[in-house]
């Protein structure tokens, strides 16, 4: 059992994977298992598997899907298989990086604030690929609990054991609907911000936010907002 499960969804990730593992090897992952959920093509998958098995210096799990699935399908799939054996989840985007104490500090915050279900941190923003910590960043941003928890939240596995989960149809911004459902059920105070810059978001043209499409080719964000709760 790992106290923290980091969900890392992989979709043709070879431009970022080796560097992301370099960053994770920097981090204190003594209580963390990274779950790689790969939806890549078969040739890419073979390379992905080789890189992960040879480079990771931390506990991990690895699964390959035979077909492309939505981001939130993979999240829900990992959650369903680990929610009874972990305490906290966090997403582990392959193109972003985290400060080495991110996992420890976020989990400690939730340990100490029992009324908080989700905590998010502020983040740096860069357009420079291939960095590890500390990054050369051009700006910074942070979560807004009235809109979204941003790119780097950590949340309690007990939310999923209580029946809340990600909508598997979502392709780009389904997590925002999950955070909204948590806020509706547990109150605004259940969402908190740790005001430390513990992460760095890579802004680039292939980010899922810009490229994800709905089943009929719709813009991903527009599609998610159309089918999401109102």
C-alpha atoms as a PDB file:
ATOM      1  CA  UNK A   1       0.000   0.000   0.000  1.00  0.00           C
ATOM      2  CA  UNK A   2       1.254   3.471  -0.910  1.00  0.00           C
ATOM      3  CA  UNK A   3      -0.090   6.501   0.928  1.00  0.00           C
ATOM      4  CA  UNK A   4      -0.034   8.462  -2.328  1.00  0.00           C
ATOM      5  CA  UNK A   5      -0.836   7.288  -5.856  1.00  0.00           C
ATOM      6  CA  UNK A   6       0.256   9.570  -8.678  1.00  0.00           C
ATOM      7  CA  UNK A   7      -1.774   9.022 -11.859  1.00  0.00           C
ATOM      8  CA  UNK A   8       0.321   9.477 -14.991  1.00  0.00           C
ATOM      9  CA  UNK A   9      -1.627   9.085 -18.249  1.00  0.00           C
ATOM     10  CA  UNK A  10       0.562   8.556 -21.298  1.00  0.00           C
ATOM     11  CA  UNK A  11      -0.420   9.341 -24.896  1.00  0.00           C
ATOM     12  CA  UNK A  12       2.528   9.152 -27.305  1.00  0.00           C
ATOM     13  CA  UNK A  13       4.669  10.705 -24.522  1.00  0.00           C
ATOM     14  CA  UNK A  14       8.216  10.186 -25.788  1.00  0.00           C
ATOM     15  CA  UNK A  15       8.932  13.922 -26.104  1.00  0.00           C
ATOM     16  CA  UNK A  16       8.529  14.228 -22.322  1.00  0.00           C
ATOM     17  CA  UNK A  17       8.752  10.857 -20.580  1.00  0.00           C
ATOM     18  CA  UNK A  18      12.483  10.547 -19.944  1.00  0.00           C
ATOM     19  CA  UNK A  19      12.687  14.073 -18.561  1.00  0.00           C
ATOM     20  CA  UNK A  20       9.626  13.566 -16.365  1.00  0.00           C
ATOM     21  CA  UNK A  21      11.222  10.474 -14.861  1.00  0.00           C
ATOM     22  CA  UNK A  22      14.395  12.494 -14.237  1.00  0.00           C
ATOM     23  CA  UNK A  23      12.272  14.971 -12.286  1.00  0.00           C
ATOM     24  CA  UNK A  24      10.425  12.253 -10.352  1.00  0.00           C
ATOM     25  CA  UNK A  25      13.764  10.678  -9.463  1.00  0.00           C
ATOM     26  CA  UNK A  26      14.563  14.003  -7.762  1.00  0.00           C
ATOM     27  CA  UNK A  27      11.410  13.879  -5.647  1.00  0.00           C
ATOM     28  CA  UNK A  28      10.768  12.373  -2.231  1.00  0.00           C
ATOM     29  CA  UNK A  29       8.527   9.488  -3.313  1.00  0.00           C
ATOM     30  CA  UNK A  30       9.083   7.313  -0.261  1.00  0.00           C
ATOM     31  CA  UNK A  31       5.291   7.181   0.321  1.00  0.00           C
ATOM     32  CA  UNK A  32       4.283   7.389  -3.331  1.00  0.00           C
ATOM     33  CA  UNK A  33       3.647   4.995  -6.198  1.00  0.00           C
ATOM     34  CA  UNK A  34       3.349   6.398  -9.703  1.00  0.00           C
ATOM     35  CA  UNK A  35       0.766   4.585 -11.810  1.00  0.00           C
ATOM     36  CA  UNK A  36       1.611   4.893 -15.494  1.00  0.00           C
ATOM     37  CA  UNK A  37      -1.486   4.295 -17.645  1.00  0.00           C
ATOM     38  CA  UNK A  38      -0.345   4.122 -21.255  1.00  0.00           C
ATOM     39  CA  UNK A  39      -2.608   4.505 -24.293  1.00  0.00           C
ATOM     40  CA  UNK A  40       0.144   4.811 -26.868  1.00  0.00           C
ATOM     41  CA  UNK A  41       0.468   2.984 -30.157  1.00  0.00           C
ATOM     42  CA  UNK A  42       2.178  -0.385 -29.986  1.00  0.00           C
ATOM     43  CA  UNK A  43       5.618   0.776 -31.243  1.00  0.00           C
ATOM     44  CA  UNK A  44       5.630   3.700 -28.793  1.00  0.00           C
ATOM     45  CA  UNK A  45       4.484   1.444 -25.968  1.00  0.00           C
ATOM     46  CA  UNK A  46       7.506  -0.810 -26.383  1.00  0.00           C
ATOM     47  CA  UNK A  47       9.830   2.179 -25.996  1.00  0.00           C
ATOM     48  CA  UNK A  48       7.777   3.584 -23.092  1.00  0.00           C
ATOM     49  CA  UNK A  49       8.026   0.278 -21.232  1.00  0.00           C
ATOM     50  CA  UNK A  50      11.796   0.121 -21.758  1.00  0.00           C
ATOM     51  CA  UNK A  51      12.333   3.679 -20.501  1.00  0.00           C
ATOM     52  CA  UNK A  52      10.179   3.197 -17.411  1.00  0.00           C
ATOM     53  CA  UNK A  53      11.718  -0.132 -16.466  1.00  0.00           C
ATOM     54  CA  UNK A  54      15.267   1.119 -16.930  1.00  0.00           C
ATOM     55  CA  UNK A  55      15.059   4.685 -15.563  1.00  0.00           C
ATOM     56  CA  UNK A  56      12.551   4.774 -12.682  1.00  0.00           C
ATOM     57  CA  UNK A  57      14.150   4.805  -9.227  1.00  0.00           C
ATOM     58  CA  UNK A  58      10.832   4.841  -7.387  1.00  0.00           C
ATOM     59  CA  UNK A  59       7.858   2.571  -6.864  1.00  0.00           C
ATOM     60  CA  UNK A  60       5.537   2.411  -9.859  1.00  0.00           C
ATOM     61  CA  UNK A  61       2.819   0.421 -11.560  1.00  0.00           C
ATOM     62  CA  UNK A  62       2.422   0.191 -15.327  1.00  0.00           C
ATOM     63  CA  UNK A  63      -0.505  -0.740 -17.550  1.00  0.00           C
ATOM     64  CA  UNK A  64      -0.953  -0.500 -21.305  1.00  0.00           C
ATOM     65  CA  UNK A  65      -4.380  -0.157 -22.920  1.00  0.00           C
ATOM     66  CA  UNK A  66      -4.858  -1.740 -26.334  1.00  0.00           C
ATOM     67  CA  UNK A  67      -6.802   1.287 -27.563  1.00  0.00           C
ATOM     68  CA  UNK A  68      -6.838   5.035 -26.997  1.00  0.00           C
ATOM     69  CA  UNK A  69      -9.061   6.101 -24.120  1.00  0.00           C
ATOM     70  CA  UNK A  70      -9.961   9.508 -22.751  1.00  0.00           C
ATOM     71  CA  UNK A  71      -7.793  11.012 -20.037  1.00  0.00           C
ATOM     72  CA  UNK A  72     -10.573  10.616 -17.488  1.00  0.00           C
ATOM     73  CA  UNK A  73     -11.212   7.026 -18.467  1.00  0.00           C
ATOM     74  CA  UNK A  74      -7.625   6.256 -17.486  1.00  0.00           C
ATOM     75  CA  UNK A  75      -7.914   8.271 -14.281  1.00  0.00           C
ATOM     76  CA  UNK A  76     -11.124   6.474 -13.297  1.00  0.00           C
ATOM     77  CA  UNK A  77      -9.586   3.118 -14.239  1.00  0.00           C
ATOM     78  CA  UNK A  78      -6.565   3.693 -11.987  1.00  0.00           C
ATOM     79  CA  UNK A  79      -8.726   5.050  -9.168  1.00  0.00           C
ATOM     80  CA  UNK A  80     -11.020   2.029  -9.290  1.00  0.00           C
ATOM     81  CA  UNK A  81      -8.053  -0.325  -8.835  1.00  0.00           C
ATOM     82  CA  UNK A  82      -6.219   1.596  -6.115  1.00  0.00           C
ATOM     83  CA  UNK A  83      -8.780   3.575  -4.097  1.00  0.00           C
ATOM     84  CA  UNK A  84      -8.915   0.933  -1.343  1.00  0.00           C
ATOM     85  CA  UNK A  85      -5.143   0.746  -0.910  1.00  0.00           C
ATOM     86  CA  UNK A  86      -4.119   4.403  -1.022  1.00  0.00           C
ATOM     87  CA  UNK A  87      -4.854   7.501   1.040  1.00  0.00           C
ATOM     88  CA  UNK A  88      -4.264  10.319  -1.446  1.00  0.00           C
ATOM     89  CA  UNK A  89      -4.249  10.756  -5.221  1.00  0.00           C
ATOM     90  CA  UNK A  90      -2.501  13.343  -7.364  1.00  0.00           C
ATOM     91  CA  UNK A  91      -2.255  13.705 -11.118  1.00  0.00           C
ATOM     92  CA  UNK A  92       1.243  13.423 -12.564  1.00  0.00           C
ATOM     93  CA  UNK A  93       1.211  15.109 -15.962  1.00  0.00           C
ATOM     94  CA  UNK A  94       4.067  13.829 -18.073  1.00  0.00           C
ATOM     95  CA  UNK A  95       4.920  17.264 -19.503  1.00  0.00           C
ATOM     96  CA  UNK A  96       4.980  19.133 -16.170  1.00  0.00           C
ATOM     97  CA  UNK A  97       7.346  18.901 -13.188  1.00  0.00           C
ATOM     98  CA  UNK A  98       7.177  19.248  -9.414  1.00  0.00           C
ATOM     99  CA  UNK A  99       9.377  20.541  -6.647  1.00  0.00           C
ATOM    100  CA  UNK A 100      11.044  17.584  -4.856  1.00  0.00           C
ATOM    101  CA  UNK A 101       8.964  17.974  -1.657  1.00  0.00           C
ATOM    102  CA  UNK A 102       5.618  18.425  -3.446  1.00  0.00           C
ATOM    103  CA  UNK A 103       4.188  15.017  -2.509  1.00  0.00           C
ATOM    104  CA  UNK A 104       5.354  15.197   1.098  1.00  0.00           C
ATOM    105  CA  UNK A 105       4.100  18.746   1.722  1.00  0.00           C
ATOM    106  CA  UNK A 106       0.723  18.239   0.069  1.00  0.00           C
ATOM    107  CA  UNK A 107       0.067  15.012   1.980  1.00  0.00           C
ATOM    108  CA  UNK A 108       1.152  16.626   5.259  1.00  0.00           C
ATOM    109  CA  UNK A 109      -1.320  19.457   4.613  1.00  0.00           C
ATOM    110  CA  UNK A 110      -4.172  16.983   4.202  1.00  0.00           C
ATOM    111  CA  UNK A 111      -2.986  15.042   7.261  1.00  0.00           C
ATOM    112  CA  UNK A 112      -3.249  18.235   9.312  1.00  0.00           C
ATOM    113  CA  UNK A 113      -6.525  19.591   7.853  1.00  0.00           C
ATOM    114  CA  UNK A 114      -9.076  16.837   8.202  1.00  0.00           C
ATOM    115  CA  UNK A 115     -11.917  18.964   6.839  1.00  0.00           C
ATOM    116  CA  UNK A 116     -10.101  19.531   3.546  1.00  0.00           C
ATOM    117  CA  UNK A 117     -10.782  17.030   0.762  1.00  0.00           C
ATOM    118  CA  UNK A 118      -8.613  18.581  -1.974  1.00  0.00           C
ATOM    119  CA  UNK A 119      -5.549  20.790  -1.732  1.00  0.00           C
ATOM    120  CA  UNK A 120      -3.847  22.534  -4.632  1.00  0.00           C
ATOM    121  CA  UNK A 121      -0.658  24.549  -4.852  1.00  0.00           C
ATOM    122  CA  UNK A 122       0.434  27.554  -6.869  1.00  0.00           C
ATOM    123  CA  UNK A 123       2.588  26.855  -9.903  1.00  0.00           C
ATOM    124  CA  UNK A 124       5.209  28.348 -12.140  1.00  0.00           C
ATOM    125  CA  UNK A 125       4.690  28.502 -15.908  1.00  0.00           C
ATOM    126  CA  UNK A 126       7.366  27.848 -18.513  1.00  0.00           C
ATOM    127  CA  UNK A 127       7.607  27.435 -22.269  1.00  0.00           C
ATOM    128  CA  UNK A 128      10.999  25.725 -22.025  1.00  0.00           C
ATOM    129  CA  UNK A 129      10.862  21.965 -22.462  1.00  0.00           C
ATOM    130  CA  UNK A 130      13.142  19.405 -20.867  1.00  0.00           C
ATOM    131  CA  UNK A 131      13.710  21.003 -17.458  1.00  0.00           C
ATOM    132  CA  UNK A 132      13.982  19.489 -14.020  1.00  0.00           C
ATOM    133  CA  UNK A 133      13.684  21.377 -10.743  1.00  0.00           C
ATOM    134  CA  UNK A 134      14.320  24.307 -10.330  1.00  0.00           C
ATOM    135  CA  UNK A 135      12.907  25.468 -13.667  1.00  0.00           C
ATOM    136  CA  UNK A 136      13.489  28.607 -15.670  1.00  0.00           C
ATOM    137  CA  UNK A 137       9.956  29.991 -15.504  1.00  0.00           C
ATOM    138  CA  UNK A 138       8.405  33.030 -17.167  1.00  0.00           C
ATOM    139  CA  UNK A 139       5.388  33.550 -14.903  1.00  0.00           C
ATOM    140  CA  UNK A 140       3.294  31.991 -12.127  1.00  0.00           C
ATOM    141  CA  UNK A 141      -0.354  31.252 -11.424  1.00  0.00           C
ATOM    142  CA  UNK A 142      -2.552  29.562  -8.862  1.00  0.00           C
ATOM    143  CA  UNK A 143      -5.842  27.755  -8.305  1.00  0.00           C
ATOM    144  CA  UNK A 144      -9.172  29.473  -7.789  1.00  0.00           C
ATOM    145  CA  UNK A 145     -11.521  27.309  -5.708  1.00  0.00           C
ATOM    146  CA  UNK A 146     -14.525  29.000  -7.338  1.00  0.00           C
ATOM    147  CA  UNK A 147     -13.439  27.792 -10.788  1.00  0.00           C
ATOM    148  CA  UNK A 148     -10.776  25.076 -10.831  1.00  0.00           C
ATOM    149  CA  UNK A 149      -8.129  23.503  -8.643  1.00  0.00           C
ATOM    150  CA  UNK A 150      -5.635  23.829 -11.452  1.00  0.00           C
ATOM    151  CA  UNK A 151      -2.970  21.433 -12.654  1.00  0.00           C
ATOM    152  CA  UNK A 152      -1.473  20.145  -9.389  1.00  0.00           C
ATOM    153  CA  UNK A 153      -4.078  19.053  -6.817  1.00  0.00           C
ATOM    154  CA  UNK A 154      -3.951  16.241  -4.287  1.00  0.00           C
ATOM    155  CA  UNK A 155      -7.185  14.713  -3.057  1.00  0.00           C
ATOM    156  CA  UNK A 156      -8.426  12.052  -0.677  1.00  0.00           C
ATOM    157  CA  UNK A 157      -9.073   8.532  -1.947  1.00  0.00           C
ATOM    158  CA  UNK A 158     -12.032   8.430   0.428  1.00  0.00           C
ATOM    159  CA  UNK A 159     -13.925  10.678  -2.019  1.00  0.00           C
ATOM    160  CA  UNK A 160     -13.954   7.812  -4.489  1.00  0.00           C
ATOM    161  CA  UNK A 161     -14.843   5.251  -1.858  1.00  0.00           C
ATOM    162  CA  UNK A 162     -17.827   7.497  -1.075  1.00  0.00           C
ATOM    163  CA  UNK A 163     -18.971   7.216  -4.691  1.00  0.00           C
ATOM    164  CA  UNK A 164     -17.561  10.329  -6.373  1.00  0.00           C
ATOM    165  CA  UNK A 165     -15.545   9.735  -9.529  1.00  0.00           C
ATOM    166  CA  UNK A 166     -14.414  11.260 -12.801  1.00  0.00           C
ATOM    167  CA  UNK A 167     -16.760  11.138 -15.772  1.00  0.00           C
ATOM    168  CA  UNK A 168     -15.060   8.786 -18.231  1.00  0.00           C
ATOM    169  CA  UNK A 169     -16.578  10.592 -21.225  1.00  0.00           C
ATOM    170  CA  UNK A 170     -14.632  13.762 -20.498  1.00  0.00           C
ATOM    171  CA  UNK A 171     -11.672  14.550 -22.729  1.00  0.00           C
ATOM    172  CA  UNK A 172     -10.107  17.824 -21.535  1.00  0.00           C
ATOM    173  CA  UNK A 173     -11.476  19.494 -18.385  1.00  0.00           C
ATOM    174  CA  UNK A 174     -13.474  16.787 -16.619  1.00  0.00           C
ATOM    175  CA  UNK A 175     -11.546  17.288 -13.398  1.00  0.00           C
ATOM    176  CA  UNK A 176     -13.185  20.706 -12.976  1.00  0.00           C
ATOM    177  CA  UNK A 177     -16.565  18.986 -12.804  1.00  0.00           C
ATOM    178  CA  UNK A 178     -15.202  16.584 -10.192  1.00  0.00           C
ATOM    179  CA  UNK A 179     -13.904  19.457  -8.041  1.00  0.00           C
ATOM    180  CA  UNK A 180     -17.300  21.164  -8.405  1.00  0.00           C
ATOM    181  CA  UNK A 181     -19.087  18.003  -7.263  1.00  0.00           C
ATOM    182  CA  UNK A 182     -16.828  17.776  -4.210  1.00  0.00           C
ATOM    183  CA  UNK A 183     -17.463  21.429  -3.353  1.00  0.00           C
ATOM    184  CA  UNK A 184     -21.213  20.945  -3.754  1.00  0.00           C
ATOM    185  CA  UNK A 185     -21.256  17.892  -1.480  1.00  0.00           C
ATOM    186  CA  UNK A 186     -18.696  18.937   1.154  1.00  0.00           C
ATOM    187  CA  UNK A 187     -18.733  22.742   0.968  1.00  0.00           C
ATOM    188  CA  UNK A 188     -16.283  25.334  -0.297  1.00  0.00           C
ATOM    189  CA  UNK A 189     -14.048  24.865   2.746  1.00  0.00           C
ATOM    190  CA  UNK A 190     -13.296  21.320   1.553  1.00  0.00           C
ATOM    191  CA  UNK A 191     -11.082  22.841  -1.168  1.00  0.00           C
ATOM    192  CA  UNK A 192      -7.886  24.523  -0.006  1.00  0.00           C
ATOM    193  CA  UNK A 193      -4.762  26.154  -1.383  1.00  0.00           C
ATOM    194  CA  UNK A 194      -1.214  25.578  -0.168  1.00  0.00           C
ATOM    195  CA  UNK A 195       0.395  28.859  -1.150  1.00  0.00           C
ATOM    196  CA  UNK A 196       3.792  27.540  -2.153  1.00  0.00           C
ATOM    197  CA  UNK A 197       5.187  27.226  -5.661  1.00  0.00           C
ATOM    198  CA  UNK A 198       5.634  23.459  -5.679  1.00  0.00           C
ATOM    199  CA  UNK A 199       5.164  22.765  -9.376  1.00  0.00           C
ATOM    200  CA  UNK A 200       5.759  24.011 -12.893  1.00  0.00           C
ATOM    201  CA  UNK A 201       3.343  23.856 -15.817  1.00  0.00           C
ATOM    202  CA  UNK A 202       4.747  23.542 -19.325  1.00  0.00           C
ATOM    203  CA  UNK A 203       2.754  25.623 -21.791  1.00  0.00           C
ATOM    204  CA  UNK A 204       3.118  24.133 -25.270  1.00  0.00           C
ATOM    205  CA  UNK A 205       1.123  23.619 -28.445  1.00  0.00           C
ATOM    206  CA  UNK A 206       0.375  19.932 -27.792  1.00  0.00           C
ATOM    207  CA  UNK A 207      -1.200  20.344 -24.351  1.00  0.00           C
ATOM    208  CA  UNK A 208      -4.387  18.330 -23.984  1.00  0.00           C
ATOM    209  CA  UNK A 209      -6.272  21.554 -23.223  1.00  0.00           C
ATOM    210  CA  UNK A 210      -5.640  22.691 -26.794  1.00  0.00           C
ATOM    211  CA  UNK A 211      -5.673  19.419 -28.686  1.00  0.00           C
ATOM    212  CA  UNK A 212      -8.259  17.103 -27.078  1.00  0.00           C
ATOM    213  CA  UNK A 213     -11.337  16.390 -29.187  1.00  0.00           C
ATOM    214  CA  UNK A 214     -14.753  14.971 -28.430  1.00  0.00           C
ATOM    215  CA  UNK A 215     -15.990  11.722 -30.048  1.00  0.00           C
ATOM    216  CA  UNK A 216     -17.226  13.605 -33.135  1.00  0.00           C
ATOM    217  CA  UNK A 217     -14.149  15.824 -33.377  1.00  0.00           C
ATOM    218  CA  UNK A 218     -15.544  18.659 -31.250  1.00  0.00           C
ATOM    219  CA  UNK A 219     -13.230  20.989 -29.371  1.00  0.00           C
ATOM    220  CA  UNK A 220     -12.431  19.153 -26.139  1.00  0.00           C
ATOM    221  CA  UNK A 221     -13.281  21.932 -23.710  1.00  0.00           C
ATOM    222  CA  UNK A 222     -16.535  22.771 -25.492  1.00  0.00           C
ATOM    223  CA  UNK A 223     -17.478  19.099 -25.602  1.00  0.00           C
ATOM    224  CA  UNK A 224     -16.809  18.620 -21.875  1.00  0.00           C
ATOM    225  CA  UNK A 225     -18.841  21.690 -20.943  1.00  0.00           C
ATOM    226  CA  UNK A 226     -21.703  20.485 -23.145  1.00  0.00           C
ATOM    227  CA  UNK A 227     -22.001  17.052 -21.517  1.00  0.00           C
ATOM    228  CA  UNK A 228     -20.917  18.051 -17.995  1.00  0.00           C
ATOM    229  CA  UNK A 229     -23.269  18.879 -15.121  1.00  0.00           C
ATOM    230  CA  UNK A 230     -24.917  22.272 -15.221  1.00  0.00           C
END
